[in-house]
Amino acid sequence: MDKEKKSEIITQFRLKENDTGSVEVQVALLTGRISGLTEHLKLYPRDRHTRHALHGVIGKQRRLLAYLSRTDARRHYSLASRLGLRK
């Protein structure tokens, strides 16, 4: 993910002006990284290192989403609908 895309995601999901570390921003960045790794694996399905990294990123995203659902369910639902995570 390049700098422009990353800064665009941060400005879209931040809660206040200089926010780069809130749960919403972190999950949005991880979602972008997951989609990039998934596209890479479609081209190179036997790349085990990328698959291992993808599983780690997915686990981190799941932990952050579980934390958000425990602390503030309304923010969790809003974030999941904005990112299209729940179907």
C-alpha atoms as a PDB file:
ATOM      1  CA  MET A   1       0.000   0.000   0.000  1.00  0.00           C
ATOM      2  CA  ASP A   2       1.460   3.347  -1.016  1.00  0.00           C
ATOM      3  CA  LYS A   3       1.572   6.521   1.075  1.00  0.00           C
ATOM      4  CA  GLU A   4      -1.285   8.251  -0.729  1.00  0.00           C
ATOM      5  CA  LYS A   5      -3.671   5.342  -0.244  1.00  0.00           C
ATOM      6  CA  LYS A   6      -2.659   5.003   3.397  1.00  0.00           C
ATOM      7  CA  SER A   7      -3.170   8.697   4.138  1.00  0.00           C
ATOM      8  CA  GLU A   8      -6.534   8.588   2.342  1.00  0.00           C
ATOM      9  CA  ILE A   9      -7.681   5.706   4.546  1.00  0.00           C
ATOM     10  CA  ILE A  10      -6.461   7.500   7.672  1.00  0.00           C
ATOM     11  CA  THR A  11      -8.343  10.701   6.814  1.00  0.00           C
ATOM     12  CA  GLN A  12     -11.485   8.734   6.010  1.00  0.00           C
ATOM     13  CA  PHE A  13     -11.607   6.708   9.244  1.00  0.00           C
ATOM     14  CA  ARG A  14      -9.983   8.978  11.845  1.00  0.00           C
ATOM     15  CA  LEU A  15     -11.989  10.174  14.819  1.00  0.00           C
ATOM     16  CA  LYS A  16     -10.261  13.548  15.291  1.00  0.00           C
ATOM     17  CA  GLU A  17      -7.656  15.667  13.533  1.00  0.00           C
ATOM     18  CA  ASN A  18      -4.333  13.941  14.305  1.00  0.00           C
ATOM     19  CA  ASP A  19      -5.737  10.466  14.855  1.00  0.00           C
ATOM     20  CA  THR A  20      -3.660   7.674  13.341  1.00  0.00           C
ATOM     21  CA  GLY A  21      -3.921   4.972  15.994  1.00  0.00           C
ATOM     22  CA  SER A  22      -7.578   4.526  16.831  1.00  0.00           C
ATOM     23  CA  VAL A  23      -9.108   1.111  16.391  1.00  0.00           C
ATOM     24  CA  GLU A  24     -11.102   2.258  13.376  1.00  0.00           C
ATOM     25  CA  VAL A  25      -7.998   3.483  11.555  1.00  0.00           C
ATOM     26  CA  GLN A  26      -6.025   0.353  12.429  1.00  0.00           C
ATOM     27  CA  VAL A  27      -8.779  -1.985  11.220  1.00  0.00           C
ATOM     28  CA  ALA A  28      -9.233   0.010   8.016  1.00  0.00           C
ATOM     29  CA  LEU A  29      -5.490  -0.146   7.285  1.00  0.00           C
ATOM     30  CA  LEU A  30      -5.413  -3.869   8.012  1.00  0.00           C
ATOM     31  CA  THR A  31      -8.398  -4.378   5.713  1.00  0.00           C
ATOM     32  CA  GLY A  32      -6.514  -2.643   2.910  1.00  0.00           C
ATOM     33  CA  ARG A  33      -3.468  -4.779   3.565  1.00  0.00           C
ATOM     34  CA  ILE A  34      -5.598  -7.937   3.580  1.00  0.00           C
ATOM     35  CA  SER A  35      -7.073  -7.084   0.203  1.00  0.00           C
ATOM     36  CA  GLY A  36      -3.589  -6.465  -1.220  1.00  0.00           C
ATOM     37  CA  LEU A  37      -2.252  -9.762   0.110  1.00  0.00           C
ATOM     38  CA  THR A  38      -5.328 -11.575  -1.193  1.00  0.00           C
ATOM     39  CA  GLU A  39      -4.782 -10.177  -4.677  1.00  0.00           C
ATOM     40  CA  HIS A  40      -1.129 -11.256  -4.509  1.00  0.00           C
ATOM     41  CA  LEU A  41      -2.164 -14.781  -3.529  1.00  0.00           C
ATOM     42  CA  LYS A  42      -4.548 -14.960  -6.475  1.00  0.00           C
ATOM     43  CA  LEU A  43      -1.560 -14.440  -8.765  1.00  0.00           C
ATOM     44  CA  TYR A  44       0.850 -16.611  -6.757  1.00  0.00           C
ATOM     45  CA  PRO A  45      -1.184 -19.278  -4.936  1.00  0.00           C
ATOM     46  CA  ARG A  46       1.869 -21.256  -3.793  1.00  0.00           C
ATOM     47  CA  ASP A  47       3.482 -18.333  -1.956  1.00  0.00           C
ATOM     48  CA  ARG A  48       3.541 -19.729   1.577  1.00  0.00           C
ATOM     49  CA  HIS A  49       5.260 -16.727   3.165  1.00  0.00           C
ATOM     50  CA  THR A  50       2.545 -14.361   1.982  1.00  0.00           C
ATOM     51  CA  ARG A  51      -0.140 -16.785   3.151  1.00  0.00           C
ATOM     52  CA  HIS A  52       1.461 -16.892   6.599  1.00  0.00           C
ATOM     53  CA  ALA A  53       1.587 -13.079   6.716  1.00  0.00           C
ATOM     54  CA  LEU A  54      -2.046 -12.915   5.610  1.00  0.00           C
ATOM     55  CA  HIS A  55      -3.121 -15.179   8.460  1.00  0.00           C
ATOM     56  CA  GLY A  56      -1.266 -12.982  10.937  1.00  0.00           C
ATOM     57  CA  VAL A  57      -2.905  -9.814   9.625  1.00  0.00           C
ATOM     58  CA  ILE A  58      -6.344 -11.432   9.698  1.00  0.00           C
ATOM     59  CA  GLY A  59      -5.771 -12.499  13.304  1.00  0.00           C
ATOM     60  CA  LYS A  60      -4.776  -8.969  14.298  1.00  0.00           C
ATOM     61  CA  GLN A  61      -7.851  -7.564  12.579  1.00  0.00           C
ATOM     62  CA  ARG A  62     -10.107 -10.064  14.352  1.00  0.00           C
ATOM     63  CA  ARG A  63      -8.594  -9.203  17.744  1.00  0.00           C
ATOM     64  CA  LEU A  64      -9.100  -5.483  17.171  1.00  0.00           C
ATOM     65  CA  LEU A  65     -12.688  -6.025  16.045  1.00  0.00           C
ATOM     66  CA  ALA A  66     -13.383  -8.207  19.090  1.00  0.00           C
ATOM     67  CA  TYR A  67     -11.990  -5.478  21.343  1.00  0.00           C
ATOM     68  CA  LEU A  68     -14.153  -2.876  19.641  1.00  0.00           C
ATOM     69  CA  SER A  69     -17.293  -5.003  19.953  1.00  0.00           C
ATOM     70  CA  ARG A  70     -16.584  -5.508  23.679  1.00  0.00           C
ATOM     71  CA  THR A  71     -16.003  -1.840  24.387  1.00  0.00           C
ATOM     72  CA  ASP A  72     -18.455  -0.092  22.033  1.00  0.00           C
ATOM     73  CA  ALA A  73     -20.815  -2.210  19.966  1.00  0.00           C
ATOM     74  CA  ARG A  74     -22.230   0.777  18.095  1.00  0.00           C
ATOM     75  CA  ARG A  75     -18.784   1.797  16.790  1.00  0.00           C
ATOM     76  CA  HIS A  76     -18.107  -1.839  15.855  1.00  0.00           C
ATOM     77  CA  TYR A  77     -21.291  -2.095  13.831  1.00  0.00           C
ATOM     78  CA  SER A  78     -20.631   1.246  12.143  1.00  0.00           C
ATOM     79  CA  LEU A  79     -17.079   0.293  11.205  1.00  0.00           C
ATOM     80  CA  ALA A  80     -18.066  -3.148   9.936  1.00  0.00           C
ATOM     81  CA  SER A  81     -20.765  -1.673   7.726  1.00  0.00           C
ATOM     82  CA  ARG A  82     -18.448   1.077   6.394  1.00  0.00           C
ATOM     83  CA  LEU A  83     -15.770  -1.478   5.498  1.00  0.00           C
ATOM     84  CA  GLY A  84     -18.232  -4.076   4.236  1.00  0.00           C
ATOM     85  CA  LEU A  85     -16.976  -6.776   6.595  1.00  0.00           C
ATOM     86  CA  ARG A  86     -20.327  -8.284   7.541  1.00  0.00           C
ATOM     87  CA  LYS A  87     -22.691  -9.698   5.010  1.00  0.00           C
END
